[in-house]
């Protein structure tokens, strides 16, 4: 099973490099980074998820893709919450909420509010 994860990460990383190099922004932000995050989540490698998502957030900001910005804020907030970085998590969740409101996207707004509930339940 581990060998399959290694091969998958190698190919997904290559796909990410090709997407970035060729400015395939949609593929990069909607498919490749998401697949890599899922893979590294299964492996428990939160550091790689943070890098992939931080770079994804920056790329989404660069092209003004607010939906992907909200997505990566969510991912970063969730990882920081798992790592007990409460203030960092809250900041990302609040950004996710603000973006959801900006887009008037009820699903994103609801998701961000649930994330904030998780945050406040973690505060002692």
PDB file of N, CA and C in Angstrom:
ATOM      1  N   UNK A   1       0.822  -1.203   0.000  1.00  0.00           N
ATOM      2  CA  UNK A   1       0.000   0.000   0.000  1.00  0.00           C
ATOM      3  C   UNK A   1       0.862   1.262   0.000  1.00  0.00           C
ATOM      4  N   UNK A   2       1.924   1.276   0.802  1.00  0.00           N
ATOM      5  CA  UNK A   2       2.807   2.440   0.864  1.00  0.00           C
ATOM      6  C   UNK A   2       3.443   2.730  -0.492  1.00  0.00           C
ATOM      7  N   UNK A   3       3.819   1.681  -1.218  1.00  0.00           N
ATOM      8  CA  UNK A   3       4.424   1.886  -2.537  1.00  0.00           C
ATOM      9  C   UNK A   3       3.443   2.576  -3.476  1.00  0.00           C
ATOM     10  N   UNK A   4       2.168   2.237  -3.374  1.00  0.00           N
ATOM     11  CA  UNK A   4       1.163   2.881  -4.218  1.00  0.00           C
ATOM     12  C   UNK A   4       1.054   4.361  -3.880  1.00  0.00           C
ATOM     13  N   UNK A   5       1.108   4.697  -2.589  1.00  0.00           N
ATOM     14  CA  UNK A   5       1.066   6.101  -2.196  1.00  0.00           C
ATOM     15  C   UNK A   5       2.285   6.841  -2.726  1.00  0.00           C
ATOM     16  N   UNK A   6       3.443   6.221  -2.667  1.00  0.00           N
ATOM     17  CA  UNK A   6       4.665   6.860  -3.167  1.00  0.00           C
ATOM     18  C   UNK A   6       4.570   7.131  -4.659  1.00  0.00           C
ATOM     19  N   UNK A   7       4.105   6.148  -5.411  1.00  0.00           N
ATOM     20  CA  UNK A   7       3.957   6.328  -6.857  1.00  0.00           C
ATOM     21  C   UNK A   7       2.911   7.393  -7.152  1.00  0.00           C
ATOM     22  N   UNK A   8       1.809   7.344  -6.433  1.00  0.00           N
ATOM     23  CA  UNK A   8       0.750   8.330  -6.648  1.00  0.00           C
ATOM     24  C   UNK A   8       1.259   9.738  -6.357  1.00  0.00           C
ATOM     25  N   UNK A   9       1.986   9.904  -5.261  1.00  0.00           N
ATOM     26  CA  UNK A   9       2.479  11.246  -4.935  1.00  0.00           C
ATOM     27  C   UNK A   9       3.471  11.729  -5.988  1.00  0.00           C
ATOM     28  N   UNK A  10       4.284  10.831  -6.505  1.00  0.00           N
ATOM     29  CA  UNK A  10       5.249  11.205  -7.537  1.00  0.00           C
ATOM     30  C   UNK A  10       4.525  11.698  -8.797  1.00  0.00           C
ATOM     31  N   UNK A  11       3.506  10.957  -9.228  1.00  0.00           N
ATOM     32  CA  UNK A  11       2.791  11.340 -10.453  1.00  0.00           C
ATOM     33  C   UNK A  11       1.947  12.596 -10.253  1.00  0.00           C
ATOM     34  N   UNK A  12       1.301  12.713  -9.085  1.00  0.00           N
ATOM     35  CA  UNK A  12       0.509  13.915  -8.819  1.00  0.00           C
ATOM     36  C   UNK A  12       1.415  15.140  -8.697  1.00  0.00           C
ATOM     37  N   UNK A  13       2.605  14.965  -8.118  1.00  0.00           N
ATOM     38  CA  UNK A  13       3.556  16.071  -8.018  1.00  0.00           C
ATOM     39  C   UNK A  13       4.018  16.495  -9.409  1.00  0.00           C
ATOM     40  N   UNK A  14       4.265  15.518 -10.265  1.00  0.00           N
ATOM     41  CA  UNK A  14       4.639  15.835 -11.648  1.00  0.00           C
ATOM     42  C   UNK A  14       3.493  16.556 -12.356  1.00  0.00           C
ATOM     43  N   UNK A  15       2.269  16.114 -12.129  1.00  0.00           N
ATOM     44  CA  UNK A  15       1.108  16.782 -12.731  1.00  0.00           C
ATOM     45  C   UNK A  15       0.998  18.224 -12.236  1.00  0.00           C
ATOM     46  N   UNK A  16       1.285  18.443 -10.949  1.00  0.00           N
ATOM     47  CA  UNK A  16       1.253  19.801 -10.401  1.00  0.00           C
ATOM     48  C   UNK A  16       2.309  20.671 -11.068  1.00  0.00           C
ATOM     49  N   UNK A  17       3.516  20.150 -11.187  1.00  0.00           N
ATOM     50  CA  UNK A  17       4.602  20.907 -11.825  1.00  0.00           C
ATOM     51  C   UNK A  17       4.238  21.272 -13.261  1.00  0.00           C
ATOM     52  N   UNK A  18       3.651  20.329 -13.998  1.00  0.00           N
ATOM     53  CA  UNK A  18       3.246  20.599 -15.384  1.00  0.00           C
ATOM     54  C   UNK A  18       2.110  21.622 -15.446  1.00  0.00           C
ATOM     55  N   UNK A  19       1.163  21.500 -14.533  1.00  0.00           N
ATOM     56  CA  UNK A  19       0.043  22.447 -14.495  1.00  0.00           C
ATOM     57  C   UNK A  19       0.527  23.861 -14.231  1.00  0.00           C
ATOM     58  N   UNK A  20       1.420  24.003 -13.258  1.00  0.00           N
ATOM     59  CA  UNK A  20       1.954  25.329 -12.928  1.00  0.00           C
ATOM     60  C   UNK A  20       2.780  25.879 -14.089  1.00  0.00           C
ATOM     61  N   UNK A  21       3.661  25.060 -14.638  1.00  0.00           N
ATOM     62  CA  UNK A  21       4.537  25.504 -15.725  1.00  0.00           C
ATOM     63  C   UNK A  21       3.759  25.934 -16.964  1.00  0.00           C
ATOM     64  N   UNK A  22       2.638  25.280 -17.217  1.00  0.00           N
ATOM     65  CA  UNK A  22       1.846  25.575 -18.414  1.00  0.00           C
ATOM     66  C   UNK A  22       0.632  26.461 -18.128  1.00  0.00           C
ATOM     67  N   UNK A  23       0.555  26.971 -16.884  1.00  0.00           N
ATOM     68  CA  UNK A  23      -0.521  27.862 -16.466  1.00  0.00           C
ATOM     69  C   UNK A  23      -1.903  27.242 -16.661  1.00  0.00           C
ATOM     70  N   UNK A  24      -2.006  25.965 -16.317  1.00  0.00           N
ATOM     71  CA  UNK A  24      -3.304  25.285 -16.325  1.00  0.00           C
ATOM     72  C   UNK A  24      -3.947  25.503 -14.959  1.00  0.00           C
ATOM     73  N   UNK A  25      -4.351  26.745 -14.714  1.00  0.00           N
ATOM     74  CA  UNK A  25      -4.825  27.139 -13.385  1.00  0.00           C
ATOM     75  C   UNK A  25      -6.008  26.309 -12.908  1.00  0.00           C
ATOM     76  N   UNK A  26      -6.967  26.059 -13.790  1.00  0.00           N
ATOM     77  CA  UNK A  26      -8.140  25.294 -13.359  1.00  0.00           C
ATOM     78  C   UNK A  26      -7.717  23.900 -12.885  1.00  0.00           C
ATOM     79  N   UNK A  27      -6.935  23.220 -13.702  1.00  0.00           N
ATOM     80  CA  UNK A  27      -6.485  21.870 -13.333  1.00  0.00           C
ATOM     81  C   UNK A  27      -5.668  21.896 -12.042  1.00  0.00           C
ATOM     82  N   UNK A  28      -4.786  22.878 -11.951  1.00  0.00           N
ATOM     83  CA  UNK A  28      -3.932  22.997 -10.765  1.00  0.00           C
ATOM     84  C   UNK A  28      -4.766  23.163  -9.504  1.00  0.00           C
ATOM     85  N   UNK A  29      -5.723  24.087  -9.525  1.00  0.00           N
ATOM     86  CA  UNK A  29      -6.445  24.469  -8.317  1.00  0.00           C
ATOM     87  C   UNK A  29      -7.638  23.582  -7.999  1.00  0.00           C
ATOM     88  N   UNK A  30      -8.262  22.997  -9.015  1.00  0.00           N
ATOM     89  CA  UNK A  30      -9.471  22.207  -8.784  1.00  0.00           C
ATOM     90  C   UNK A  30      -9.211  20.710  -8.716  1.00  0.00           C
ATOM     91  N   UNK A  31      -8.162  20.261  -9.356  1.00  0.00           N
ATOM     92  CA  UNK A  31      -7.929  18.819  -9.425  1.00  0.00           C
ATOM     93  C   UNK A  31      -6.628  18.388  -8.745  1.00  0.00           C
ATOM     94  N   UNK A  32      -5.516  18.898  -9.216  1.00  0.00           N
ATOM     95  CA  UNK A  32      -4.218  18.365  -8.806  1.00  0.00           C
ATOM     96  C   UNK A  32      -3.915  18.663  -7.338  1.00  0.00           C
ATOM     97  N   UNK A  33      -4.057  19.910  -6.926  1.00  0.00           N
ATOM     98  CA  UNK A  33      -3.777  20.231  -5.519  1.00  0.00           C
ATOM     99  C   UNK A  33      -4.739  19.508  -4.580  1.00  0.00           C
ATOM    100  N   UNK A  34      -5.970  19.359  -4.994  1.00  0.00           N
ATOM    101  CA  UNK A  34      -6.959  18.644  -4.171  1.00  0.00           C
ATOM    102  C   UNK A  34      -6.562  17.176  -4.026  1.00  0.00           C
ATOM    103  N   UNK A  35      -6.167  16.553  -5.128  1.00  0.00           N
ATOM    104  CA  UNK A  35      -5.747  15.144  -5.086  1.00  0.00           C
ATOM    105  C   UNK A  35      -4.514  14.965  -4.201  1.00  0.00           C
ATOM    106  N   UNK A  36      -3.546  15.862  -4.341  1.00  0.00           N
ATOM    107  CA  UNK A  36      -2.343  15.785  -3.510  1.00  0.00           C
ATOM    108  C   UNK A  36      -2.685  15.973  -2.032  1.00  0.00           C
ATOM    109  N   UNK A  37      -3.555  16.920  -1.729  1.00  0.00           N
ATOM    110  CA  UNK A  37      -3.963  17.117  -0.333  1.00  0.00           C
ATOM    111  C   UNK A  37      -4.623  15.865   0.225  1.00  0.00           C
ATOM    112  N   UNK A  38      -5.500  15.250  -0.549  1.00  0.00           N
ATOM    113  CA  UNK A  38      -6.162  14.025  -0.090  1.00  0.00           C
ATOM    114  C   UNK A  38      -5.153  12.910   0.152  1.00  0.00           C
ATOM    115  N   UNK A  39      -4.213  12.777  -0.741  1.00  0.00           N
ATOM    116  CA  UNK A  39      -3.175  11.755  -0.609  1.00  0.00           C
ATOM    117  C   UNK A  39      -2.346  11.981   0.652  1.00  0.00           C
ATOM    118  N   UNK A  40      -1.904  13.225   0.850  1.00  0.00           N
ATOM    119  CA  UNK A  40      -1.075  13.512   2.023  1.00  0.00           C
ATOM    120  C   UNK A  40      -1.879  13.468   3.316  1.00  0.00           C
ATOM    121  N   UNK A  41      -3.171  13.718   3.229  1.00  0.00           N
ATOM    122  CA  UNK A  41      -4.005  13.557   4.424  1.00  0.00           C
ATOM    123  C   UNK A  41      -4.028  12.082   4.837  1.00  0.00           C
ATOM    124  N   UNK A  42      -4.180  11.193   3.854  1.00  0.00           N
ATOM    125  CA  UNK A  42      -4.159   9.756   4.151  1.00  0.00           C
ATOM    126  C   UNK A  42      -2.824   9.326   4.747  1.00  0.00           C
ATOM    127  N   UNK A  43      -1.754   9.984   4.332  1.00  0.00           N
ATOM    128  CA  UNK A  43      -0.426   9.681   4.855  1.00  0.00           C
ATOM    129  C   UNK A  43      -0.127  10.416   6.169  1.00  0.00           C
ATOM    130  N   UNK A  44      -1.005  11.343   6.543  1.00  0.00           N
ATOM    131  CA  UNK A  44      -0.797  12.114   7.763  1.00  0.00           C
ATOM    132  C   UNK A  44       0.307  13.145   7.652  1.00  0.00           C
ATOM    133  N   UNK A  45       0.614  13.578   6.433  1.00  0.00           N
ATOM    134  CA  UNK A  45       1.689  14.534   6.211  1.00  0.00           C
ATOM    135  C   UNK A  45       1.110  15.949   6.111  1.00  0.00           C
ATOM    136  N   UNK A  46       0.846  16.536   7.280  1.00  0.00           N
ATOM    137  CA  UNK A  46       0.209  17.849   7.325  1.00  0.00           C
ATOM    138  C   UNK A  46       1.125  18.958   6.813  1.00  0.00           C
ATOM    139  N   UNK A  47       2.423  18.770   6.945  1.00  0.00           N
ATOM    140  CA  UNK A  47       3.363  19.775   6.462  1.00  0.00           C
ATOM    141  C   UNK A  47       3.244  19.936   4.943  1.00  0.00           C
ATOM    142  N   UNK A  48       3.137  18.827   4.233  1.00  0.00           N
ATOM    143  CA  UNK A  48       3.004  18.915   2.767  1.00  0.00           C
ATOM    144  C   UNK A  48       1.652  19.518   2.379  1.00  0.00           C
ATOM    145  N   UNK A  49       0.616  19.193   3.142  1.00  0.00           N
ATOM    146  CA  UNK A  49      -0.702  19.783   2.870  1.00  0.00           C
ATOM    147  C   UNK A  49      -0.635  21.300   3.035  1.00  0.00           C
ATOM    148  N   UNK A  50       0.069  21.757   4.067  1.00  0.00           N
ATOM    149  CA  UNK A  50       0.198  23.200   4.296  1.00  0.00           C
ATOM    150  C   UNK A  50       0.900  23.877   3.119  1.00  0.00           C
ATOM    151  N   UNK A  51       1.956  23.261   2.604  1.00  0.00           N
ATOM    152  CA  UNK A  51       2.686  23.846   1.474  1.00  0.00           C
ATOM    153  C   UNK A  51       1.805  23.862   0.225  1.00  0.00           C
ATOM    154  N   UNK A  52       1.181  22.728  -0.067  1.00  0.00           N
ATOM    155  CA  UNK A  52       0.337  22.631  -1.262  1.00  0.00           C
ATOM    156  C   UNK A  52      -0.811  23.630  -1.189  1.00  0.00           C
ATOM    157  N   UNK A  53      -1.427  23.750  -0.020  1.00  0.00           N
ATOM    158  CA  UNK A  53      -2.578  24.638   0.129  1.00  0.00           C
ATOM    159  C   UNK A  53      -2.173  26.104   0.194  1.00  0.00           C
ATOM    160  N   UNK A  54      -1.050  26.414   0.840  1.00  0.00           N
ATOM    161  CA  UNK A  54      -0.574  27.806   0.868  1.00  0.00           C
ATOM    162  C   UNK A  54      -0.241  28.283  -0.541  1.00  0.00           C
ATOM    163  N   UNK A  55       0.448  27.432  -1.290  1.00  0.00           N
ATOM    164  CA  UNK A  55       0.757  27.782  -2.682  1.00  0.00           C
ATOM    165  C   UNK A  55      -0.521  27.880  -3.516  1.00  0.00           C
ATOM    166  N   UNK A  56      -1.472  26.991  -3.250  1.00  0.00           N
ATOM    167  CA  UNK A  56      -2.752  27.035  -3.957  1.00  0.00           C
ATOM    168  C   UNK A  56      -3.525  28.300  -3.636  1.00  0.00           C
ATOM    169  N   UNK A  57      -3.512  28.712  -2.367  1.00  0.00           N
ATOM    170  CA  UNK A  57      -4.183  29.950  -1.975  1.00  0.00           C
ATOM    171  C   UNK A  57      -3.548  31.137  -2.692  1.00  0.00           C
ATOM    172  N   UNK A  58      -2.242  31.165  -2.731  1.00  0.00           N
ATOM    173  CA  UNK A  58      -1.541  32.257  -3.416  1.00  0.00           C
ATOM    174  C   UNK A  58      -1.896  32.276  -4.912  1.00  0.00           C
ATOM    175  N   UNK A  59      -1.917  31.104  -5.535  1.00  0.00           N
ATOM    176  CA  UNK A  59      -2.248  31.019  -6.965  1.00  0.00           C
ATOM    177  C   UNK A  59      -3.691  31.466  -7.217  1.00  0.00           C
ATOM    178  N   UNK A  60      -4.601  31.074  -6.319  1.00  0.00           N
ATOM    179  CA  UNK A  60      -6.008  31.467  -6.470  1.00  0.00           C
ATOM    180  C   UNK A  60      -6.166  32.981  -6.292  1.00  0.00           C
ATOM    181  N   UNK A  61      -5.445  33.551  -5.335  1.00  0.00           N
ATOM    182  CA  UNK A  61      -5.491  35.005  -5.130  1.00  0.00           C
ATOM    183  C   UNK A  61      -4.971  35.738  -6.356  1.00  0.00           C
ATOM    184  N   UNK A  62      -3.937  35.196  -6.940  1.00  0.00           N
ATOM    185  CA  UNK A  62      -3.309  35.812  -8.111  1.00  0.00           C
ATOM    186  C   UNK A  62      -4.291  35.947  -9.279  1.00  0.00           C
ATOM    187  N   UNK A  63      -5.173  34.944  -9.449  1.00  0.00           N
ATOM    188  CA  UNK A  63      -6.118  34.993 -10.569  1.00  0.00           C
ATOM    189  C   UNK A  63      -7.527  35.406 -10.133  1.00  0.00           C
ATOM    190  N   UNK A  64      -7.705  35.686  -8.844  1.00  0.00           N
ATOM    191  CA  UNK A  64      -9.000  36.142  -8.341  1.00  0.00           C
ATOM    192  C   UNK A  64     -10.052  35.059  -8.261  1.00  0.00           C
ATOM    193  N   UNK A  65      -9.651  33.815  -8.065  1.00  0.00           N
ATOM    194  CA  UNK A  65     -10.591  32.694  -7.963  1.00  0.00           C
ATOM    195  C   UNK A  65     -11.057  32.578  -6.509  1.00  0.00           C
ATOM    196  N   UNK A  66     -12.135  33.305  -6.178  1.00  0.00           N
ATOM    197  CA  UNK A  66     -12.585  33.374  -4.788  1.00  0.00           C
ATOM    198  C   UNK A  66     -13.082  32.031  -4.256  1.00  0.00           C
ATOM    199  N   UNK A  67     -13.654  31.219  -5.114  1.00  0.00           N
ATOM    200  CA  UNK A  67     -14.138  29.904  -4.657  1.00  0.00           C
ATOM    201  C   UNK A  67     -12.962  29.042  -4.202  1.00  0.00           C
ATOM    202  N   UNK A  68     -11.880  29.055  -4.970  1.00  0.00           N
ATOM    203  CA  UNK A  68     -10.687  28.278  -4.590  1.00  0.00           C
ATOM    204  C   UNK A  68      -9.984  28.922  -3.402  1.00  0.00           C
ATOM    205  N   UNK A  69     -10.040  30.230  -3.314  1.00  0.00           N
ATOM    206  CA  UNK A  69      -9.472  30.899  -2.143  1.00  0.00           C
ATOM    207  C   UNK A  69     -10.182  30.412  -0.883  1.00  0.00           C
ATOM    208  N   UNK A  70     -11.500  30.336  -0.951  1.00  0.00           N
ATOM    209  CA  UNK A  70     -12.270  29.842   0.198  1.00  0.00           C
ATOM    210  C   UNK A  70     -11.888  28.400   0.508  1.00  0.00           C
ATOM    211  N   UNK A  71     -11.758  27.587  -0.528  1.00  0.00           N
ATOM    212  CA  UNK A  71     -11.394  26.179  -0.335  1.00  0.00           C
ATOM    213  C   UNK A  71     -10.062  26.045   0.396  1.00  0.00           C
ATOM    214  N   UNK A  72      -9.052  26.742  -0.068  1.00  0.00           N
ATOM    215  CA  UNK A  72      -7.728  26.607   0.549  1.00  0.00           C
ATOM    216  C   UNK A  72      -7.680  27.229   1.943  1.00  0.00           C
ATOM    217  N   UNK A  73      -8.453  28.294   2.176  1.00  0.00           N
ATOM    218  CA  UNK A  73      -8.564  28.817   3.540  1.00  0.00           C
ATOM    219  C   UNK A  73      -9.150  27.755   4.458  1.00  0.00           C
ATOM    220  N   UNK A  74     -10.145  27.025   3.975  1.00  0.00           N
ATOM    221  CA  UNK A  74     -10.743  25.943   4.743  1.00  0.00           C
ATOM    222  C   UNK A  74      -9.708  24.875   5.076  1.00  0.00           C
ATOM    223  N   UNK A  75      -8.975  24.420   4.071  1.00  0.00           N
ATOM    224  CA  UNK A  75      -7.981  23.360   4.284  1.00  0.00           C
ATOM    225  C   UNK A  75      -6.926  23.811   5.286  1.00  0.00           C
ATOM    226  N   UNK A  76      -6.395  25.011   5.093  1.00  0.00           N
ATOM    227  CA  UNK A  76      -5.356  25.513   5.986  1.00  0.00           C
ATOM    228  C   UNK A  76      -5.871  25.662   7.414  1.00  0.00           C
ATOM    229  N   UNK A  77      -7.091  26.160   7.546  1.00  0.00           N
ATOM    230  CA  UNK A  77      -7.681  26.291   8.873  1.00  0.00           C
ATOM    231  C   UNK A  77      -7.865  24.943   9.554  1.00  0.00           C
ATOM    232  N   UNK A  78      -8.324  23.958   8.804  1.00  0.00           N
ATOM    233  CA  UNK A  78      -8.532  22.619   9.376  1.00  0.00           C
ATOM    234  C   UNK A  78      -7.215  21.991   9.830  1.00  0.00           C
ATOM    235  N   UNK A  79      -6.180  22.145   9.041  1.00  0.00           N
ATOM    236  CA  UNK A  79      -4.881  21.574   9.419  1.00  0.00           C
ATOM    237  C   UNK A  79      -4.350  22.290  10.663  1.00  0.00           C
ATOM    238  N   UNK A  80      -4.439  23.609  10.684  1.00  0.00           N
ATOM    239  CA  UNK A  80      -3.958  24.336  11.860  1.00  0.00           C
ATOM    240  C   UNK A  80      -4.758  23.988  13.108  1.00  0.00           C
ATOM    241  N   UNK A  81      -6.054  23.756  12.937  1.00  0.00           N
ATOM    242  CA  UNK A  81      -6.871  23.334  14.079  1.00  0.00           C
ATOM    243  C   UNK A  81      -6.388  21.982  14.598  1.00  0.00           C
ATOM    244  N   UNK A  82      -6.097  21.046  13.682  1.00  0.00           N
ATOM    245  CA  UNK A  82      -5.563  19.738  14.079  1.00  0.00           C
ATOM    246  C   UNK A  82      -4.228  19.868  14.800  1.00  0.00           C
ATOM    247  N   UNK A  83      -3.432  20.863  14.398  1.00  0.00           N
ATOM    248  CA  UNK A  83      -2.122  21.073  14.995  1.00  0.00           C
ATOM    249  C   UNK A  83      -2.196  21.977  16.235  1.00  0.00           C
ATOM    250  N   UNK A  84      -3.421  22.339  16.627  1.00  0.00           N
ATOM    251  CA  UNK A  84      -3.686  23.153  17.818  1.00  0.00           C
ATOM    252  C   UNK A  84      -3.151  24.586  17.698  1.00  0.00           C
ATOM    253  N   UNK A  85      -3.024  25.069  16.464  1.00  0.00           N
ATOM    254  CA  UNK A  85      -2.697  26.473  16.234  1.00  0.00           C
ATOM    255  C   UNK A  85      -4.037  27.194  16.085  1.00  0.00           C
ATOM    256  N   UNK A  86      -4.640  27.509  17.221  1.00  0.00           N
ATOM    257  CA  UNK A  86      -6.020  27.994  17.227  1.00  0.00           C
ATOM    258  C   UNK A  86      -6.187  29.351  16.560  1.00  0.00           C
ATOM    259  N   UNK A  87      -5.286  30.286  16.834  1.00  0.00           N
ATOM    260  CA  UNK A  87      -5.435  31.607  16.227  1.00  0.00           C
ATOM    261  C   UNK A  87      -5.268  31.541  14.712  1.00  0.00           C
ATOM    262  N   UNK A  88      -4.305  30.754  14.254  1.00  0.00           N
ATOM    263  CA  UNK A  88      -4.126  30.595  12.811  1.00  0.00           C
ATOM    264  C   UNK A  88      -5.353  29.979  12.169  1.00  0.00           C
ATOM    265  N   UNK A  89      -5.901  28.958  12.811  1.00  0.00           N
ATOM    266  CA  UNK A  89      -7.111  28.309  12.291  1.00  0.00           C
ATOM    267  C   UNK A  89      -8.256  29.302  12.201  1.00  0.00           C
ATOM    268  N   UNK A  90      -8.447  30.067  13.266  1.00  0.00           N
ATOM    269  CA  UNK A  90      -9.543  31.042  13.280  1.00  0.00           C
ATOM    270  C   UNK A  90      -9.392  32.044  12.134  1.00  0.00           C
ATOM    271  N   UNK A  91      -8.175  32.523  11.913  1.00  0.00           N
ATOM    272  CA  UNK A  91      -7.956  33.489  10.835  1.00  0.00           C
ATOM    273  C   UNK A  91      -8.364  32.921   9.475  1.00  0.00           C
ATOM    274  N   UNK A  92      -7.969  31.684   9.211  1.00  0.00           N
ATOM    275  CA  UNK A  92      -8.327  31.076   7.924  1.00  0.00           C
ATOM    276  C   UNK A  92      -9.824  30.846   7.815  1.00  0.00           C
ATOM    277  N   UNK A  93     -10.456  30.403   8.900  1.00  0.00           N
ATOM    278  CA  UNK A  93     -11.902  30.177   8.864  1.00  0.00           C
ATOM    279  C   UNK A  93     -12.659  31.493   8.667  1.00  0.00           C
ATOM    280  N   UNK A  94     -12.174  32.568   9.280  1.00  0.00           N
ATOM    281  CA  UNK A  94     -12.822  33.864   9.086  1.00  0.00           C
ATOM    282  C   UNK A  94     -12.661  34.359   7.659  1.00  0.00           C
ATOM    283  N   UNK A  95     -11.500  34.079   7.048  1.00  0.00           N
ATOM    284  CA  UNK A  95     -11.305  34.424   5.639  1.00  0.00           C
ATOM    285  C   UNK A  95     -12.258  33.621   4.755  1.00  0.00           C
ATOM    286  N   UNK A  96     -12.397  32.330   5.081  1.00  0.00           N
ATOM    287  CA  UNK A  96     -13.333  31.486   4.331  1.00  0.00           C
ATOM    288  C   UNK A  96     -14.748  32.062   4.416  1.00  0.00           C
ATOM    289  N   UNK A  97     -15.153  32.471   5.615  1.00  0.00           N
ATOM    290  CA  UNK A  97     -16.489  33.043   5.818  1.00  0.00           C
ATOM    291  C   UNK A  97     -16.648  34.336   5.025  1.00  0.00           C
ATOM    292  N   UNK A  98     -15.656  35.201   5.080  1.00  0.00           N
ATOM    293  CA  UNK A  98     -15.730  36.468   4.347  1.00  0.00           C
ATOM    294  C   UNK A  98     -15.854  36.230   2.837  1.00  0.00           C
ATOM    295  N   UNK A  99     -15.103  35.266   2.337  1.00  0.00           N
ATOM    296  CA  UNK A  99     -15.188  34.956   0.902  1.00  0.00           C
ATOM    297  C   UNK A  99     -16.549  34.379   0.543  1.00  0.00           C
ATOM    298  N   UNK A 100     -17.082  33.515   1.410  1.00  0.00           N
ATOM    299  CA  UNK A 100     -18.415  32.965   1.171  1.00  0.00           C
ATOM    300  C   UNK A 100     -19.464  34.059   1.114  1.00  0.00           C
ATOM    301  N   UNK A 101     -19.355  35.030   2.029  1.00  0.00           N
ATOM    302  CA  UNK A 101     -20.299  36.159   2.034  1.00  0.00           C
ATOM    303  C   UNK A 101     -20.120  37.014   0.786  1.00  0.00           C
ATOM    304  N   UNK A 102     -18.867  37.223   0.390  1.00  0.00           N
ATOM    305  CA  UNK A 102     -18.586  38.016  -0.810  1.00  0.00           C
ATOM    306  C   UNK A 102     -19.236  37.394  -2.039  1.00  0.00           C
ATOM    307  N   UNK A 103     -19.207  36.062  -2.104  1.00  0.00           N
ATOM    308  CA  UNK A 103     -19.785  35.355  -3.255  1.00  0.00           C
ATOM    309  C   UNK A 103     -21.270  35.060  -3.056  1.00  0.00           C
ATOM    310  N   UNK A 104     -21.769  35.330  -1.847  1.00  0.00           N
ATOM    311  CA  UNK A 104     -23.142  34.966  -1.473  1.00  0.00           C
ATOM    312  C   UNK A 104     -23.379  33.472  -1.699  1.00  0.00           C
ATOM    313  N   UNK A 105     -22.373  32.674  -1.312  1.00  0.00           N
ATOM    314  CA  UNK A 105     -22.431  31.223  -1.470  1.00  0.00           C
ATOM    315  C   UNK A 105     -22.802  30.597  -0.133  1.00  0.00           C
ATOM    316  N   UNK A 106     -24.050  30.172  -0.028  1.00  0.00           N
ATOM    317  CA  UNK A 106     -24.562  29.663   1.247  1.00  0.00           C
ATOM    318  C   UNK A 106     -23.839  28.401   1.711  1.00  0.00           C
ATOM    319  N   UNK A 107     -23.397  27.599   0.779  1.00  0.00           N
ATOM    320  CA  UNK A 107     -22.672  26.379   1.148  1.00  0.00           C
ATOM    321  C   UNK A 107     -21.334  26.723   1.807  1.00  0.00           C
ATOM    322  N   UNK A 108     -20.605  27.646   1.209  1.00  0.00           N
ATOM    323  CA  UNK A 108     -19.328  28.052   1.780  1.00  0.00           C
ATOM    324  C   UNK A 108     -19.542  28.762   3.118  1.00  0.00           C
ATOM    325  N   UNK A 109     -20.549  29.616   3.191  1.00  0.00           N
ATOM    326  CA  UNK A 109     -20.851  30.305   4.450  1.00  0.00           C
ATOM    327  C   UNK A 109     -21.156  29.287   5.546  1.00  0.00           C
ATOM    328  N   UNK A 110     -22.011  28.317   5.238  1.00  0.00           N
ATOM    329  CA  UNK A 110     -22.355  27.290   6.217  1.00  0.00           C
ATOM    330  C   UNK A 110     -21.146  26.479   6.645  1.00  0.00           C
ATOM    331  N   UNK A 111     -20.317  26.132   5.682  1.00  0.00           N
ATOM    332  CA  UNK A 111     -19.115  25.353   5.979  1.00  0.00           C
ATOM    333  C   UNK A 111     -18.175  26.136   6.883  1.00  0.00           C
ATOM    334  N   UNK A 112     -17.987  27.408   6.578  1.00  0.00           N
ATOM    335  CA  UNK A 112     -17.115  28.260   7.397  1.00  0.00           C
ATOM    336  C   UNK A 112     -17.667  28.408   8.811  1.00  0.00           C
ATOM    337  N   UNK A 113     -18.977  28.547   8.933  1.00  0.00           N
ATOM    338  CA  UNK A 113     -19.576  28.659  10.270  1.00  0.00           C
ATOM    339  C   UNK A 113     -19.381  27.374  11.067  1.00  0.00           C
ATOM    340  N   UNK A 114     -19.520  26.227  10.412  1.00  0.00           N
ATOM    341  CA  UNK A 114     -19.258  24.958  11.100  1.00  0.00           C
ATOM    342  C   UNK A 114     -17.790  24.864  11.532  1.00  0.00           C
ATOM    343  N   UNK A 115     -16.895  25.332  10.680  1.00  0.00           N
ATOM    344  CA  UNK A 115     -15.480  25.352  11.049  1.00  0.00           C
ATOM    345  C   UNK A 115     -15.242  26.238  12.266  1.00  0.00           C
ATOM    346  N   UNK A 116     -15.916  27.383  12.300  1.00  0.00           N
ATOM    347  CA  UNK A 116     -15.767  28.275  13.449  1.00  0.00           C
ATOM    348  C   UNK A 116     -16.352  27.651  14.719  1.00  0.00           C
ATOM    349  N   UNK A 117     -17.429  26.887  14.586  1.00  0.00           N
ATOM    350  CA  UNK A 117     -17.966  26.153  15.735  1.00  0.00           C
ATOM    351  C   UNK A 117     -16.912  25.184  16.255  1.00  0.00           C
ATOM    352  N   UNK A 118     -16.273  24.438  15.345  1.00  0.00           N
ATOM    353  CA  UNK A 118     -15.193  23.534  15.745  1.00  0.00           C
ATOM    354  C   UNK A 118     -14.080  24.296  16.450  1.00  0.00           C
ATOM    355  N   UNK A 119     -13.743  25.452  15.911  1.00  0.00           N
ATOM    356  CA  UNK A 119     -12.701  26.272  16.528  1.00  0.00           C
ATOM    357  C   UNK A 119     -13.096  26.643  17.964  1.00  0.00           C
ATOM    358  N   UNK A 120     -14.310  27.196  18.134  1.00  0.00           N
ATOM    359  CA  UNK A 120     -14.723  27.650  19.462  1.00  0.00           C
ATOM    360  C   UNK A 120     -14.867  26.492  20.445  1.00  0.00           C
ATOM    361  N   UNK A 121     -15.187  25.301  19.958  1.00  0.00           N
ATOM    362  CA  UNK A 121     -15.237  24.135  20.844  1.00  0.00           C
ATOM    363  C   UNK A 121     -13.835  23.710  21.273  1.00  0.00           C
ATOM    364  N   UNK A 122     -12.825  24.071  20.484  1.00  0.00           N
ATOM    365  CA  UNK A 122     -11.446  23.706  20.800  1.00  0.00           C
ATOM    366  C   UNK A 122     -10.811  24.675  21.798  1.00  0.00           C
ATOM    367  N   UNK A 123     -11.359  25.889  21.877  1.00  0.00           N
ATOM    368  CA  UNK A 123     -10.808  26.897  22.785  1.00  0.00           C
ATOM    369  C   UNK A 123     -11.186  26.530  24.211  1.00  0.00           C
ATOM    370  N   UNK A 124     -10.174  26.545  25.065  1.00  0.00           N
ATOM    371  CA  UNK A 124     -10.434  26.161  26.460  1.00  0.00           C
ATOM    372  C   UNK A 124     -10.307  27.335  27.372  1.00  0.00           C
TER     373      UNK A 124
END
